[in-house]
Amino acid sequence: MIQIGQIAPDFETETTQGRIRFHEWLGTSWGVLFSHPKDYTPVCTTELGTMAGLAPEFAKRDVKIIGLSVDPVESHQGWAQDIQDVTGNAVNYPMIGDPELKVSKLYGMLPAGAGETSQGRSAADNATVRTVFVIGPDKAVKLVLMYPMTTGRNFDEILRVIDSLQLTASRKLATPANWQPGDRAIIAGSVSDEQAKALFPQGWDAPKPYLRYVEVK
């Protein structure tokens, strides 16, 4: 399985929006790659439509969205119509076709011995292809979440995590449990008190020496 901090494996593949080279497609943006075990599955149908509806929120954060399903691109095209019918949102981001299981294996979502074709495989066979990867502009993996097939993903939480990650990248801050944008944050442990005085001249609240809360404006 891919680990946080690892460079996201690059690949070239067909998508519903043409052939891409993944790292080149990402460019200097953040990215979310979220995967699905098979086309025309009920929970995934709701997820893909929800993600399409949230596309403006991801765009505001300079985050590119790309989906993956273990079926050919041609199958995705028909599924996209169902997704729009059910959710009211047209899929407005590329969806990777992975009929040879190459990307699923490359990202550790299927074992090397899973075979070389999606034909004859059920959604249950591909149950582990239910993962969200958040990737930074440096191409490093920042978050990995795996969901069971019966639990729809919470994409508001993905946005919250991205807000936290981008805060850390820009201001050397970490976020406490249940943090929401606008809440106070924590000065990162990698920042010394001397460095913190320069970065946060307004000061901070420290209930413990290692726990330094600061207001975020």
Protein backbone atom coordinates (compact mmCIF):
# COMPACT_ATOMS: atom_id res chain seq x y z
CA MET A 1 0.00 0.00 0.00
CA ILE A 2 1.13 3.54 -0.71
CA GLN A 3 2.44 5.35 2.37
CA ILE A 4 2.01 8.99 3.40
CA GLY A 5 5.08 10.95 2.30
CA GLN A 6 5.83 8.61 -0.61
CA ILE A 7 5.93 10.08 -4.11
CA ALA A 8 2.70 9.10 -5.82
CA PRO A 9 3.54 6.62 -8.60
CA ASP A 10 3.34 8.15 -12.06
CA PHE A 11 1.45 6.41 -14.83
CA GLU A 12 0.05 6.94 -18.31
CA THR A 13 -3.54 5.88 -18.93
CA GLU A 14 -6.77 6.40 -20.81
CA THR A 15 -9.49 8.49 -19.16
CA THR A 16 -12.92 9.76 -20.12
CA GLN A 17 -11.18 13.04 -21.06
CA GLY A 18 -8.38 11.49 -23.12
CA ARG A 19 -4.99 9.98 -22.43
CA ILE A 20 -2.96 11.53 -19.60
CA ARG A 21 0.40 11.22 -17.88
CA PHE A 22 -0.58 11.56 -14.22
CA HIS A 23 2.22 13.78 -12.88
CA GLU A 24 2.05 15.99 -15.96
CA TRP A 25 -1.72 16.27 -15.59
CA LEU A 26 -1.36 17.31 -11.94
CA GLY A 27 1.16 20.02 -12.78
CA THR A 28 1.64 22.29 -9.76
CA SER A 29 -1.83 21.62 -8.35
CA TRP A 30 -2.99 19.45 -5.48
CA GLY A 31 -4.85 16.32 -6.49
CA VAL A 32 -7.46 13.85 -5.28
CA LEU A 33 -7.46 10.36 -6.80
CA PHE A 34 -10.44 8.31 -5.60
CA SER A 35 -11.10 4.78 -6.76
CA HIS A 36 -14.07 2.47 -7.29
CA PRO A 37 -14.29 -1.34 -7.53
CA LYS A 38 -16.66 -1.50 -10.52
CA ASP A 39 -18.97 0.59 -12.68
CA TYR A 40 -22.71 0.70 -11.96
CA THR A 41 -22.29 0.12 -8.23
CA PRO A 42 -24.84 1.89 -6.00
CA VAL A 43 -22.72 3.65 -3.38
CA CYS A 44 -20.10 4.72 -5.92
CA THR A 45 -22.82 6.22 -8.12
CA THR A 46 -23.76 8.60 -5.30
CA GLU A 47 -20.10 9.39 -4.57
CA LEU A 48 -19.13 10.32 -8.11
CA GLY A 49 -22.11 12.64 -8.40
CA THR A 50 -21.42 14.23 -5.03
CA MET A 51 -17.83 14.84 -6.03
CA ALA A 52 -19.00 16.49 -9.27
CA GLY A 53 -21.24 18.80 -7.26
CA LEU A 54 -18.32 19.78 -5.05
CA ALA A 55 -15.96 20.44 -7.98
CA PRO A 56 -16.10 24.25 -7.48
CA GLU A 57 -14.97 23.84 -3.86
CA PHE A 58 -11.99 21.75 -4.93
CA ALA A 59 -11.17 24.20 -7.72
CA LYS A 60 -11.09 27.09 -5.21
CA ARG A 61 -8.35 25.20 -3.39
CA ASP A 62 -6.43 24.46 -6.63
CA VAL A 63 -7.22 20.76 -6.30
CA LYS A 64 -7.70 18.57 -9.38
CA ILE A 65 -10.09 15.61 -9.13
CA ILE A 66 -9.65 12.29 -10.92
CA GLY A 67 -11.63 9.09 -10.47
CA LEU A 68 -10.70 5.49 -11.20
CA SER A 69 -12.89 2.45 -11.73
CA VAL A 70 -11.83 -1.08 -12.53
CA ASP A 71 -13.61 -1.14 -15.90
CA PRO A 72 -12.92 0.23 -19.39
CA VAL A 73 -13.42 3.91 -20.25
CA GLU A 74 -16.25 2.96 -22.62
CA SER A 75 -18.20 1.56 -19.67
CA HIS A 76 -17.62 4.77 -17.69
CA GLN A 77 -19.39 6.81 -20.37
CA GLY A 78 -22.68 4.99 -19.86
CA TRP A 79 -22.32 5.05 -16.08
CA ALA A 80 -21.80 8.82 -16.20
CA GLN A 81 -25.34 9.22 -17.52
CA ASP A 82 -26.72 7.18 -14.62
CA ILE A 83 -24.71 9.32 -12.19
CA GLN A 84 -26.23 12.49 -13.63
CA ASP A 85 -29.73 10.97 -13.59
CA VAL A 86 -29.42 9.99 -9.93
CA THR A 87 -27.56 12.99 -8.47
CA GLY A 88 -28.29 15.80 -10.91
CA ASN A 89 -24.55 16.39 -11.36
CA ALA A 90 -22.66 15.67 -14.55
CA VAL A 91 -19.25 14.08 -14.00
CA ASN A 92 -16.92 16.98 -14.83
CA TYR A 93 -13.54 15.41 -14.09
CA PRO A 94 -11.64 12.57 -15.80
CA MET A 95 -12.31 8.96 -14.87
CA ILE A 96 -9.52 6.47 -15.38
CA GLY A 97 -10.25 3.19 -17.08
CA ASP A 98 -8.27 0.37 -15.45
CA PRO A 99 -9.38 -2.80 -17.29
CA GLU A 100 -5.89 -4.34 -16.97
CA LEU A 101 -5.75 -3.47 -13.25
CA LYS A 102 -2.41 -1.70 -13.73
CA VAL A 103 -3.11 1.46 -11.73
CA SER A 104 -4.94 -0.47 -9.00
CA LYS A 105 -1.86 -2.68 -8.55
CA LEU A 106 0.58 0.23 -8.85
CA TYR A 107 -1.16 1.95 -5.93
CA GLY A 108 -1.36 -1.23 -3.84
CA MET A 109 -5.14 -1.45 -4.01
CA LEU A 110 -4.99 -4.93 -5.54
CA PRO A 111 -2.29 -7.59 -5.06
CA ALA A 112 0.13 -8.41 -7.87
CA GLY A 113 -1.59 -11.80 -8.29
CA ALA A 114 -5.03 -10.30 -8.99
CA GLY A 115 -4.76 -11.07 -12.68
CA GLU A 116 -4.53 -8.83 -15.71
CA THR A 117 -8.13 -8.09 -16.60
CA SER A 118 -11.26 -6.68 -15.00
CA GLN A 119 -13.40 -9.10 -17.00
CA GLY A 120 -15.16 -11.63 -14.82
CA ARG A 121 -14.28 -9.80 -11.60
CA SER A 122 -17.09 -8.67 -9.32
CA ALA A 123 -17.14 -5.55 -7.17
CA ALA A 124 -16.47 -7.84 -4.19
CA ASP A 125 -13.33 -9.14 -5.92
CA ASN A 126 -12.15 -5.52 -6.15
CA ALA A 127 -13.41 -4.42 -2.73
CA THR A 128 -10.07 -2.83 -1.78
CA VAL A 129 -10.26 -0.43 -4.74
CA ARG A 130 -12.12 2.03 -2.51
CA THR A 131 -9.32 4.42 -1.61
CA VAL A 132 -8.84 8.20 -1.53
CA PHE A 133 -5.36 9.61 -2.13
CA VAL A 134 -4.65 13.30 -1.58
CA ILE A 135 -1.47 14.34 -3.39
CA GLY A 136 0.45 17.59 -2.96
CA PRO A 137 2.05 19.81 -5.60
CA ASP A 138 5.34 18.08 -4.76
CA LYS A 139 3.68 14.81 -5.91
CA ALA A 140 3.97 13.37 -2.39
CA VAL A 141 1.00 11.50 -0.91
CA LYS A 142 -0.49 13.53 1.94
CA LEU A 143 -3.49 11.38 2.89
CA VAL A 144 -4.70 7.81 2.31
CA LEU A 145 -8.23 6.72 3.29
CA MET A 146 -9.80 3.33 2.49
CA TYR A 147 -13.54 2.74 2.77
CA PRO A 148 -15.71 -0.39 2.68
CA MET A 149 -18.11 -0.73 -0.25
CA THR A 150 -21.16 -0.18 1.96
CA THR A 151 -20.07 3.19 3.40
CA GLY A 152 -20.26 6.28 1.23
CA ARG A 153 -17.30 8.59 1.50
CA ASN A 154 -17.58 11.96 3.27
CA PHE A 155 -16.12 14.45 0.79
CA ASP A 156 -16.70 17.38 3.14
CA GLU A 157 -14.11 15.66 5.33
CA ILE A 158 -11.73 15.43 2.37
CA LEU A 159 -12.11 19.19 1.88
CA ARG A 160 -11.49 19.75 5.60
CA VAL A 161 -8.30 17.69 5.45
CA ILE A 162 -7.11 19.60 2.39
CA ASP A 163 -7.72 22.90 4.22
CA SER A 164 -5.59 21.57 7.08
CA LEU A 165 -2.84 20.31 4.79
CA GLN A 166 -2.69 23.61 2.93
CA LEU A 167 -2.57 25.52 6.21
CA THR A 168 0.40 23.40 7.28
CA ALA A 169 2.13 23.95 3.94
CA SER A 170 1.73 27.72 4.04
CA ARG A 171 1.97 28.65 7.73
CA LYS A 172 3.71 25.85 9.68
CA LEU A 173 0.54 25.06 11.61
CA ALA A 174 -1.10 21.80 12.60
CA THR A 175 -4.79 21.34 13.40
CA PRO A 176 -6.39 19.78 16.50
CA ALA A 177 -9.16 17.21 16.64
CA ASN A 178 -12.37 18.24 14.87
CA TRP A 179 -10.76 21.43 13.57
CA GLN A 180 -12.72 23.51 11.10
CA PRO A 181 -11.46 26.48 9.04
CA GLY A 182 -11.48 29.55 11.27
CA ASP A 183 -10.74 27.61 14.47
CA ARG A 184 -7.47 28.13 16.29
CA ALA A 185 -4.62 25.91 15.22
CA ILE A 186 -1.46 24.47 16.78
CA ILE A 187 2.04 25.67 16.06
CA ALA A 188 3.83 22.75 14.43
CA GLY A 189 6.20 20.80 16.65
CA SER A 190 9.03 21.40 14.16
CA VAL A 191 8.90 25.13 14.99
CA SER A 192 11.01 26.26 17.98
CA ASP A 193 9.72 28.90 20.38
CA GLU A 194 12.23 31.37 18.94
CA GLN A 195 11.00 30.72 15.42
CA ALA A 196 7.41 30.89 16.63
CA LYS A 197 7.94 34.39 18.05
CA ALA A 198 8.91 35.62 14.59
CA LEU A 199 6.11 33.74 12.83
CA PHE A 200 3.37 34.49 15.36
CA PRO A 201 4.22 37.80 17.08
CA GLN A 202 0.68 37.97 18.49
CA GLY A 203 1.71 35.16 20.84
CA TRP A 204 0.02 31.89 21.69
CA ASP A 205 -1.72 29.96 24.44
CA ALA A 206 0.26 26.97 25.76
CA PRO A 207 -1.62 24.73 28.22
CA LYS A 208 1.41 22.44 27.86
CA PRO A 209 4.88 23.43 26.61
CA TYR A 210 4.47 21.23 23.54
CA LEU A 211 0.87 22.37 22.81
CA ARG A 212 0.84 25.94 21.50
CA TYR A 213 -2.51 27.23 20.27
CA VAL A 214 -2.65 30.25 17.99
CA GLU A 215 -5.53 32.13 16.41
CA VAL A 216 -5.72 31.82 12.62
CA LYS A 217 -6.79 34.87 10.65
